All heavy atoms as atom14 arrays in JSON, in Angstrom:
{
  "sequence": "LPKIVNGDILGTFQKLDAIESNLEKKEEEIEQLRMDC",
  "atom14_mask": [
    [1, 1, 1, 1, 1, 1, 1, 1, 0, 0, 0, 0, 0, 0],
    [1, 1, 1, 1, 1, 1, 1, 0, 0, 0, 0, 0, 0, 0],
    [1, 1, 1, 1, 1, 1, 1, 1, 1, 0, 0, 0, 0, 0],
    [1, 1, 1, 1, 1, 1, 1, 1, 0, 0, 0, 0, 0, 0],
    [1, 1, 1, 1, 1, 1, 1, 0, 0, 0, 0, 0, 0, 0],
    [1, 1, 1, 1, 1, 1, 1, 1, 0, 0, 0, 0, 0, 0],
    [1, 1, 1, 1, 0, 0, 0, 0, 0, 0, 0, 0, 0, 0],
    [1, 1, 1, 1, 1, 1, 1, 1, 0, 0, 0, 0, 0, 0],
    [1, 1, 1, 1, 1, 1, 1, 1, 0, 0, 0, 0, 0, 0],
    [1, 1, 1, 1, 1, 1, 1, 1, 0, 0, 0, 0, 0, 0],
    [1, 1, 1, 1, 0, 0, 0, 0, 0, 0, 0, 0, 0, 0],
    [1, 1, 1, 1, 1, 1, 1, 0, 0, 0, 0, 0, 0, 0],
    [1, 1, 1, 1, 1, 1, 1, 1, 1, 1, 1, 0, 0, 0],
    [1, 1, 1, 1, 1, 1, 1, 1, 1, 0, 0, 0, 0, 0],
    [1, 1, 1, 1, 1, 1, 1, 1, 1, 0, 0, 0, 0, 0],
    [1, 1, 1, 1, 1, 1, 1, 1, 0, 0, 0, 0, 0, 0],
    [1, 1, 1, 1, 1, 1, 1, 1, 0, 0, 0, 0, 0, 0],
    [1, 1, 1, 1, 1, 0, 0, 0, 0, 0, 0, 0, 0, 0],
    [1, 1, 1, 1, 1, 1, 1, 1, 0, 0, 0, 0, 0, 0],
    [1, 1, 1, 1, 1, 1, 1, 1, 1, 0, 0, 0, 0, 0],
    [1, 1, 1, 1, 1, 1, 0, 0, 0, 0, 0, 0, 0, 0],
    [1, 1, 1, 1, 1, 1, 1, 1, 0, 0, 0, 0, 0, 0],
    [1, 1, 1, 1, 1, 1, 1, 1, 0, 0, 0, 0, 0, 0],
    [1, 1, 1, 1, 1, 1, 1, 1, 1, 0, 0, 0, 0, 0],
    [1, 1, 1, 1, 1, 1, 1, 1, 1, 0, 0, 0, 0, 0],
    [1, 1, 1, 1, 1, 1, 1, 1, 1, 0, 0, 0, 0, 0],
    [1, 1, 1, 1, 1, 1, 1, 1, 1, 0, 0, 0, 0, 0],
    [1, 1, 1, 1, 1, 1, 1, 1, 1, 0, 0, 0, 0, 0],
    [1, 1, 1, 1, 1, 1, 1, 1, 1, 0, 0, 0, 0, 0],
    [1, 1, 1, 1, 1, 1, 1, 1, 0, 0, 0, 0, 0, 0],
    [1, 1, 1, 1, 1, 1, 1, 1, 1, 0, 0, 0, 0, 0],
    [1, 1, 1, 1, 1, 1, 1, 1, 1, 0, 0, 0, 0, 0],
    [1, 1, 1, 1, 1, 1, 1, 1, 0, 0, 0, 0, 0, 0],
    [1, 1, 1, 1, 1, 1, 1, 1, 1, 1, 1, 0, 0, 0],
    [1, 1, 1, 1, 1, 1, 1, 1, 0, 0, 0, 0, 0, 0],
    [1, 1, 1, 1, 1, 1, 1, 1, 0, 0, 0, 0, 0, 0],
    [1, 1, 1, 1, 1, 1, 0, 0, 0, 0, 0, 0, 0, 0]
  ],
  "atom14_positions": [
    [[-8.5, -39.36, 10.23], [-7.91, -38.62, 9.0], [-8.39, -37.16, 8.96], [-7.62, -36.2, 8.73], [-8.18, -39.41, 7.75], [-7.53, -38.77, 6.45], [-5.97, -38.7, 6.62], [-7.83, -39.53, 5.17], [0.0, 0.0, 0.0], [0.0, 0.0, 0.0], [0.0, 0.0, 0.0], [0.0, 0.0, 0.0], [0.0, 0.0, 0.0], [0.0, 0.0, 0.0]],
    [[-9.7, -36.93, 9.02], [-10.13, -35.52, 9.06], [-9.46, -34.6, 10.07], [-9.21, -33.49, 9.88], [-11.69, -35.56, 9.25], [-11.96, -36.92, 8.77], [-10.85, -37.86, 9.2], [0.0, 0.0, 0.0], [0.0, 0.0, 0.0], [0.0, 0.0, 0.0], [0.0, 0.0, 0.0], [0.0, 0.0, 0.0], [0.0, 0.0, 0.0], [0.0, 0.0, 0.0]],
    [[-9.28, -35.2, 11.32], [-8.68, -34.43, 12.44], [-7.21, -34.07, 12.11], [-6.86, -32.87, 12.31], [-8.74, -35.21, 13.66], [-10.13, -35.5, 14.18], [-10.11, -36.34, 15.44], [-11.52, -36.64, 15.96], [-11.5, -37.5, 17.21], [0.0, 0.0, 0.0], [0.0, 0.0, 0.0], [0.0, 0.0, 0.0], [0.0, 0.0, 0.0], [0.0, 0.0, 0.0]],
    [[-6.49, -35.02, 11.57], [-5.06, -34.72, 11.17], [-5.04, -33.92, 9.94], [-4.29, -32.8, 9.97], [-4.38, -36.05, 11.01], [-4.45, -36.89, 12.22], [-2.93, -35.81, 10.55], [-3.86, -38.36, 12.1], [0.0, 0.0, 0.0], [0.0, 0.0, 0.0], [0.0, 0.0, 0.0], [0.0, 0.0, 0.0], [0.0, 0.0, 0.0], [0.0, 0.0, 0.0]],
    [[-5.66, -34.34, 8.92], [-5.55, -33.62, 7.72], [-6.11, -32.26, 7.7], [-5.59, -31.26, 7.35], [-6.17, -34.38, 6.52], [-6.15, -33.62, 5.22], [-5.45, -35.72, 6.34], [0.0, 0.0, 0.0], [0.0, 0.0, 0.0], [0.0, 0.0, 0.0], [0.0, 0.0, 0.0], [0.0, 0.0, 0.0], [0.0, 0.0, 0.0], [0.0, 0.0, 0.0]],
    [[-7.31, -32.14, 8.3], [-7.98, -30.74, 8.48], [-7.11, -29.74, 9.23], [-7.02, -28.64, 8.79], [-9.35, -30.88, 9.05], [-10.35, -31.65, 8.07], [-10.05, -31.8, 6.84], [-11.45, -32.09, 8.6], [0.0, 0.0, 0.0], [0.0, 0.0, 0.0], [0.0, 0.0, 0.0], [0.0, 0.0, 0.0], [0.0, 0.0, 0.0], [0.0, 0.0, 0.0]],
    [[-6.52, -30.19, 10.33], [-5.72, -29.33, 11.04], [-4.53, -28.77, 10.35], [-4.2, -27.63, 10.29], [0.0, 0.0, 0.0], [0.0, 0.0, 0.0], [0.0, 0.0, 0.0], [0.0, 0.0, 0.0], [0.0, 0.0, 0.0], [0.0, 0.0, 0.0], [0.0, 0.0, 0.0], [0.0, 0.0, 0.0], [0.0, 0.0, 0.0], [0.0, 0.0, 0.0]],
    [[-3.76, -29.79, 9.64], [-2.64, -29.37, 8.9], [-2.97, -28.48, 7.69], [-2.34, -27.45, 7.4], [-1.85, -30.64, 8.32], [-1.24, -31.37, 9.54], [-1.09, -30.76, 10.59], [-0.96, -32.56, 9.3], [0.0, 0.0, 0.0], [0.0, 0.0, 0.0], [0.0, 0.0, 0.0], [0.0, 0.0, 0.0], [0.0, 0.0, 0.0], [0.0, 0.0, 0.0]],
    [[-4.03, -28.96, 7.04], [-4.53, -28.13, 5.92], [-4.92, -26.73, 6.37], [-4.67, -25.73, 5.71], [-5.65, -28.83, 5.12], [-5.11, -30.06, 4.54], [-6.28, -27.84, 4.06], [-6.03, -30.97, 3.86], [0.0, 0.0, 0.0], [0.0, 0.0, 0.0], [0.0, 0.0, 0.0], [0.0, 0.0, 0.0], [0.0, 0.0, 0.0], [0.0, 0.0, 0.0]],
    [[-5.67, -26.59, 7.47], [-6.27, -25.25, 7.92], [-4.96, -24.35, 8.31], [-4.97, -23.25, 8.02], [-6.97, -25.49, 9.19], [-7.65, -24.31, 9.76], [-8.59, -23.59, 8.79], [-8.5, -24.7, 11.05], [0.0, 0.0, 0.0], [0.0, 0.0, 0.0], [0.0, 0.0, 0.0], [0.0, 0.0, 0.0], [0.0, 0.0, 0.0], [0.0, 0.0, 0.0]],
    [[-4.04, -25.01, 8.94], [-2.77, -24.21, 9.39], [-2.01, -23.81, 8.03], [-1.6, -22.58, 8.01], [0.0, 0.0, 0.0], [0.0, 0.0, 0.0], [0.0, 0.0, 0.0], [0.0, 0.0, 0.0], [0.0, 0.0, 0.0], [0.0, 0.0, 0.0], [0.0, 0.0, 0.0], [0.0, 0.0, 0.0], [0.0, 0.0, 0.0], [0.0, 0.0, 0.0]],
    [[-2.08, -24.72, 7.14], [-1.27, -24.41, 5.83], [-2.09, -23.29, 5.21], [-1.43, -22.33, 4.69], [-1.14, -25.63, 5.08], [-0.42, -26.69, 5.71], [-0.47, -25.32, 3.74], [0.0, 0.0, 0.0], [0.0, 0.0, 0.0], [0.0, 0.0, 0.0], [0.0, 0.0, 0.0], [0.0, 0.0, 0.0], [0.0, 0.0, 0.0], [0.0, 0.0, 0.0]],
    [[-3.41, -23.44, 5.1], [-4.1, -22.42, 4.39], [-4.07, -21.07, 5.09], [-4.01, -19.98, 4.47], [-5.67, -22.83, 4.27], [-5.84, -23.65, 3.11], [-6.19, -25.08, 3.23], [-5.89, -23.1, 1.81], [-6.43, -25.79, 2.03], [-6.19, -23.93, 0.63], [-6.42, -25.25, 0.88], [0.0, 0.0, 0.0], [0.0, 0.0, 0.0], [0.0, 0.0, 0.0]],
    [[-4.07, -21.13, 6.38], [-3.97, -19.83, 7.27], [-2.6, -19.18, 6.97], [-2.41, -17.94, 6.72], [-4.03, -20.03, 8.65], [-5.52, -20.47, 9.02], [-5.63, -20.68, 10.63], [-4.63, -20.91, 11.25], [-6.9, -20.85, 11.0], [0.0, 0.0, 0.0], [0.0, 0.0, 0.0], [0.0, 0.0, 0.0], [0.0, 0.0, 0.0], [0.0, 0.0, 0.0]],
    [[-1.56, -20.08, 6.85], [-0.21, -19.47, 6.55], [-0.06, -19.02, 5.15], [0.58, -18.04, 4.95], [0.86, -20.66, 6.8], [1.13, -20.98, 8.23], [2.04, -22.1, 8.32], [2.34, -22.5, 9.76], [3.32, -23.61, 9.92], [0.0, 0.0, 0.0], [0.0, 0.0, 0.0], [0.0, 0.0, 0.0], [0.0, 0.0, 0.0], [0.0, 0.0, 0.0]],
    [[-0.82, -19.73, 4.31], [-0.83, -19.29, 2.88], [-1.6, -18.06, 2.77], [-1.07, -17.05, 2.0], [-1.47, -20.38, 2.01], [-1.49, -20.08, 0.58], [-0.13, -19.89, 0.05], [-2.23, -21.18, -0.18], [0.0, 0.0, 0.0], [0.0, 0.0, 0.0], [0.0, 0.0, 0.0], [0.0, 0.0, 0.0], [0.0, 0.0, 0.0], [0.0, 0.0, 0.0]],
    [[-2.69, -17.84, 3.45], [-3.41, -16.57, 3.37], [-2.6, -15.47, 3.99], [-2.61, -14.3, 3.44], [-4.72, -16.71, 4.23], [-5.72, -17.53, 3.5], [-5.61, -17.81, 2.3], [-6.74, -18.01, 4.24], [0.0, 0.0, 0.0], [0.0, 0.0, 0.0], [0.0, 0.0, 0.0], [0.0, 0.0, 0.0], [0.0, 0.0, 0.0], [0.0, 0.0, 0.0]],
    [[-1.87, -15.69, 5.14], [-1.06, -14.68, 5.74], [0.08, -14.25, 4.73], [0.37, -13.11, 4.46], [-0.46, -15.14, 6.99], [0.0, 0.0, 0.0], [0.0, 0.0, 0.0], [0.0, 0.0, 0.0], [0.0, 0.0, 0.0], [0.0, 0.0, 0.0], [0.0, 0.0, 0.0], [0.0, 0.0, 0.0], [0.0, 0.0, 0.0], [0.0, 0.0, 0.0]],
    [[0.71, -15.36, 4.13], [1.84, -15.05, 3.09], [1.26, -14.25, 2.0], [1.91, -13.29, 1.39], [2.39, -16.27, 2.66], [3.14, -16.98, 3.84], [3.44, -16.11, 1.56], [3.69, -18.36, 3.45], [0.0, 0.0, 0.0], [0.0, 0.0, 0.0], [0.0, 0.0, 0.0], [0.0, 0.0, 0.0], [0.0, 0.0, 0.0], [0.0, 0.0, 0.0]],
    [[-0.01, -14.64, 1.48], [-0.57, -13.89, 0.35], [-0.85, -12.45, 0.82], [-0.55, -11.52, -0.08], [-1.81, -14.65, -0.21], [-1.46, -15.94, -0.91], [-2.76, -16.63, -1.31], [-3.74, -16.24, -0.86], [-2.73, -17.59, -1.97], [0.0, 0.0, 0.0], [0.0, 0.0, 0.0], [0.0, 0.0, 0.0], [0.0, 0.0, 0.0], [0.0, 0.0, 0.0]],
    [[-1.31, -12.34, 2.05], [-1.73, -11.02, 2.53], [-0.5, -10.1, 2.59], [-0.39, -8.92, 2.17], [-2.39, -11.04, 3.79], [-2.66, -9.73, 4.37], [0.0, 0.0, 0.0], [0.0, 0.0, 0.0], [0.0, 0.0, 0.0], [0.0, 0.0, 0.0], [0.0, 0.0, 0.0], [0.0, 0.0, 0.0], [0.0, 0.0, 0.0], [0.0, 0.0, 0.0]],
    [[0.66, -10.7, 3.32], [1.91, -9.97, 3.29], [2.47, -9.66, 1.97], [3.05, -8.57, 1.74], [2.94, -10.84, 4.14], [2.6, -10.93, 5.54], [1.9, -10.07, 6.09], [3.02, -11.94, 6.27], [0.0, 0.0, 0.0], [0.0, 0.0, 0.0], [0.0, 0.0, 0.0], [0.0, 0.0, 0.0], [0.0, 0.0, 0.0], [0.0, 0.0, 0.0]],
    [[2.27, -10.58, 1.05], [2.82, -10.4, -0.34], [2.02, -9.2, -0.97], [2.72, -8.41, -1.53], [2.65, -11.75, -1.13], [3.2, -11.62, -2.56], [4.74, -11.29, -2.54], [2.91, -12.98, -3.29], [0.0, 0.0, 0.0], [0.0, 0.0, 0.0], [0.0, 0.0, 0.0], [0.0, 0.0, 0.0], [0.0, 0.0, 0.0], [0.0, 0.0, 0.0]],
    [[0.79, -9.15, -0.82], [0.05, -8.06, -1.32], [0.44, -6.73, -0.82], [0.58, -5.74, -1.5], [-1.41, -8.24, -1.17], [-2.0, -9.56, -2.05], [-3.57, -9.71, -1.61], [-4.01, -8.93, -0.71], [-4.12, -10.57, -2.27], [0.0, 0.0, 0.0], [0.0, 0.0, 0.0], [0.0, 0.0, 0.0], [0.0, 0.0, 0.0], [0.0, 0.0, 0.0]],
    [[0.65, -6.72, 0.54], [1.11, -5.57, 1.26], [2.44, -5.11, 0.79], [2.62, -3.91, 0.52], [1.06, -5.67, 2.78], [-0.19, -5.87, 3.46], [0.0, -6.05, 4.96], [-1.46, -6.2, 5.59], [-1.37, -6.35, 7.0], [0.0, 0.0, 0.0], [0.0, 0.0, 0.0], [0.0, 0.0, 0.0], [0.0, 0.0, 0.0], [0.0, 0.0, 0.0]],
    [[3.37, -6.16, 0.56], [4.75, -5.78, 0.08], [4.61, -5.21, -1.35], [5.38, -4.28, -1.72], [5.58, -7.01, 0.11], [5.87, -7.53, 1.47], [6.71, -6.49, 2.31], [7.03, -7.09, 3.69], [7.72, -6.01, 4.41], [0.0, 0.0, 0.0], [0.0, 0.0, 0.0], [0.0, 0.0, 0.0], [0.0, 0.0, 0.0], [0.0, 0.0, 0.0]],
    [[3.78, -5.76, -2.04], [3.6, -5.35, -3.42], [3.08, -3.92, -3.47], [3.48, -3.08, -4.35], [2.7, -6.27, -4.29], [3.36, -7.65, -4.61], [2.33, -8.56, -5.3], [1.15, -8.13, -5.29], [2.68, -9.59, -5.81], [0.0, 0.0, 0.0], [0.0, 0.0, 0.0], [0.0, 0.0, 0.0], [0.0, 0.0, 0.0], [0.0, 0.0, 0.0]],
    [[2.12, -3.61, -2.56], [1.53, -2.29, -2.42], [2.65, -1.4, -1.96], [2.74, -0.13, -2.47], [0.41, -2.24, -1.43], [-0.88, -3.05, -2.04], [-1.97, -3.02, -0.88], [-1.77, -2.61, 0.14], [-3.03, -3.56, -1.38], [0.0, 0.0, 0.0], [0.0, 0.0, 0.0], [0.0, 0.0, 0.0], [0.0, 0.0, 0.0], [0.0, 0.0, 0.0]],
    [[3.41, -1.8, -0.94], [4.56, -0.86, -0.47], [5.51, -0.61, -1.62], [6.03, 0.49, -1.7], [5.15, -1.55, 0.7], [4.29, -1.65, 1.94], [4.93, -2.38, 3.16], [6.15, -2.9, 2.91], [4.44, -2.46, 4.2], [0.0, 0.0, 0.0], [0.0, 0.0, 0.0], [0.0, 0.0, 0.0], [0.0, 0.0, 0.0], [0.0, 0.0, 0.0]],
    [[5.91, -1.69, -2.32], [6.81, -1.52, -3.41], [6.26, -0.6, -4.48], [7.03, 0.32, -4.98], [7.16, -2.92, -4.09], [7.96, -3.76, -3.06], [8.03, -2.68, -5.38], [8.18, -5.19, -3.54], [0.0, 0.0, 0.0], [0.0, 0.0, 0.0], [0.0, 0.0, 0.0], [0.0, 0.0, 0.0], [0.0, 0.0, 0.0], [0.0, 0.0, 0.0]],
    [[5.03, -0.69, -4.74], [4.36, 0.19, -5.66], [4.43, 1.61, -5.24], [4.64, 2.55, -5.95], [2.91, -0.3, -6.03], [2.21, 0.6, -7.13], [2.82, 0.51, -8.42], [3.61, -0.44, -8.74], [2.54, 1.41, -9.2], [0.0, 0.0, 0.0], [0.0, 0.0, 0.0], [0.0, 0.0, 0.0], [0.0, 0.0, 0.0], [0.0, 0.0, 0.0]],
    [[4.05, 1.78, -3.9], [4.07, 3.12, -3.36], [5.48, 3.65, -3.32], [5.67, 4.87, -3.6], [3.56, 3.07, -1.88], [3.43, 4.39, -1.12], [2.49, 5.27, -1.97], [1.36, 4.94, -2.35], [2.77, 6.51, -1.97], [0.0, 0.0, 0.0], [0.0, 0.0, 0.0], [0.0, 0.0, 0.0], [0.0, 0.0, 0.0], [0.0, 0.0, 0.0]],
    [[6.47, 2.78, -3.02], [7.85, 3.27, -3.03], [8.2, 3.58, -4.5], [9.03, 4.65, -4.69], [8.75, 2.14, -2.48], [8.71, 1.9, -0.99], [9.61, 0.83, -0.63], [9.13, 3.16, -0.19], [0.0, 0.0, 0.0], [0.0, 0.0, 0.0], [0.0, 0.0, 0.0], [0.0, 0.0, 0.0], [0.0, 0.0, 0.0], [0.0, 0.0, 0.0]],
    [[7.87, 2.85, -5.42], [8.11, 3.25, -6.82], [7.54, 4.48, -7.18], [8.13, 5.35, -7.75], [7.7, 2.14, -7.74], [8.04, 2.27, -9.19], [7.33, 1.19, -10.07], [5.91, 1.48, -10.04], [5.32, 2.3, -10.86], [6.1, 3.2, -11.58], [4.02, 2.49, -10.82], [0.0, 0.0, 0.0], [0.0, 0.0, 0.0], [0.0, 0.0, 0.0]],
    [[6.24, 4.73, -6.83], [5.56, 6.0, -7.16], [6.27, 7.2, -6.31], [6.51, 8.21, -6.93], [4.14, 5.98, -6.67], [3.29, 4.91, -7.48], [1.52, 4.77, -6.91], [0.96, 6.52, -7.1], [0.0, 0.0, 0.0], [0.0, 0.0, 0.0], [0.0, 0.0, 0.0], [0.0, 0.0, 0.0], [0.0, 0.0, 0.0], [0.0, 0.0, 0.0]],
    [[6.73, 6.9, -5.17], [7.44, 7.97, -4.3], [8.81, 8.23, -5.11], [9.22, 9.39, -5.13], [7.62, 7.5, -2.85], [6.41, 7.5, -2.15], [5.33, 8.1, -2.56], [6.34, 6.8, -1.08], [0.0, 0.0, 0.0], [0.0, 0.0, 0.0], [0.0, 0.0, 0.0], [0.0, 0.0, 0.0], [0.0, 0.0, 0.0], [0.0, 0.0, 0.0]],
    [[9.35, 7.21, -5.46], [10.69, 7.38, -6.14], [10.55, 8.19, -7.41], [11.29, 9.13, -7.73], [11.27, 5.98, -6.52], [12.91, 6.1, -7.25], [0.0, 0.0, 0.0], [0.0, 0.0, 0.0], [0.0, 0.0, 0.0], [0.0, 0.0, 0.0], [0.0, 0.0, 0.0], [0.0, 0.0, 0.0], [0.0, 0.0, 0.0], [0.0, 0.0, 0.0]]
  ]
}
């Protein structure tokens, strides 16, 4: 169970971290675009 669950959870967490990082960048870009606008 640790091998199966830990791999899926790790991949999911990594994807989640990447999504959160991209989301933060997008929010920063949106904010920058708003300020530029």
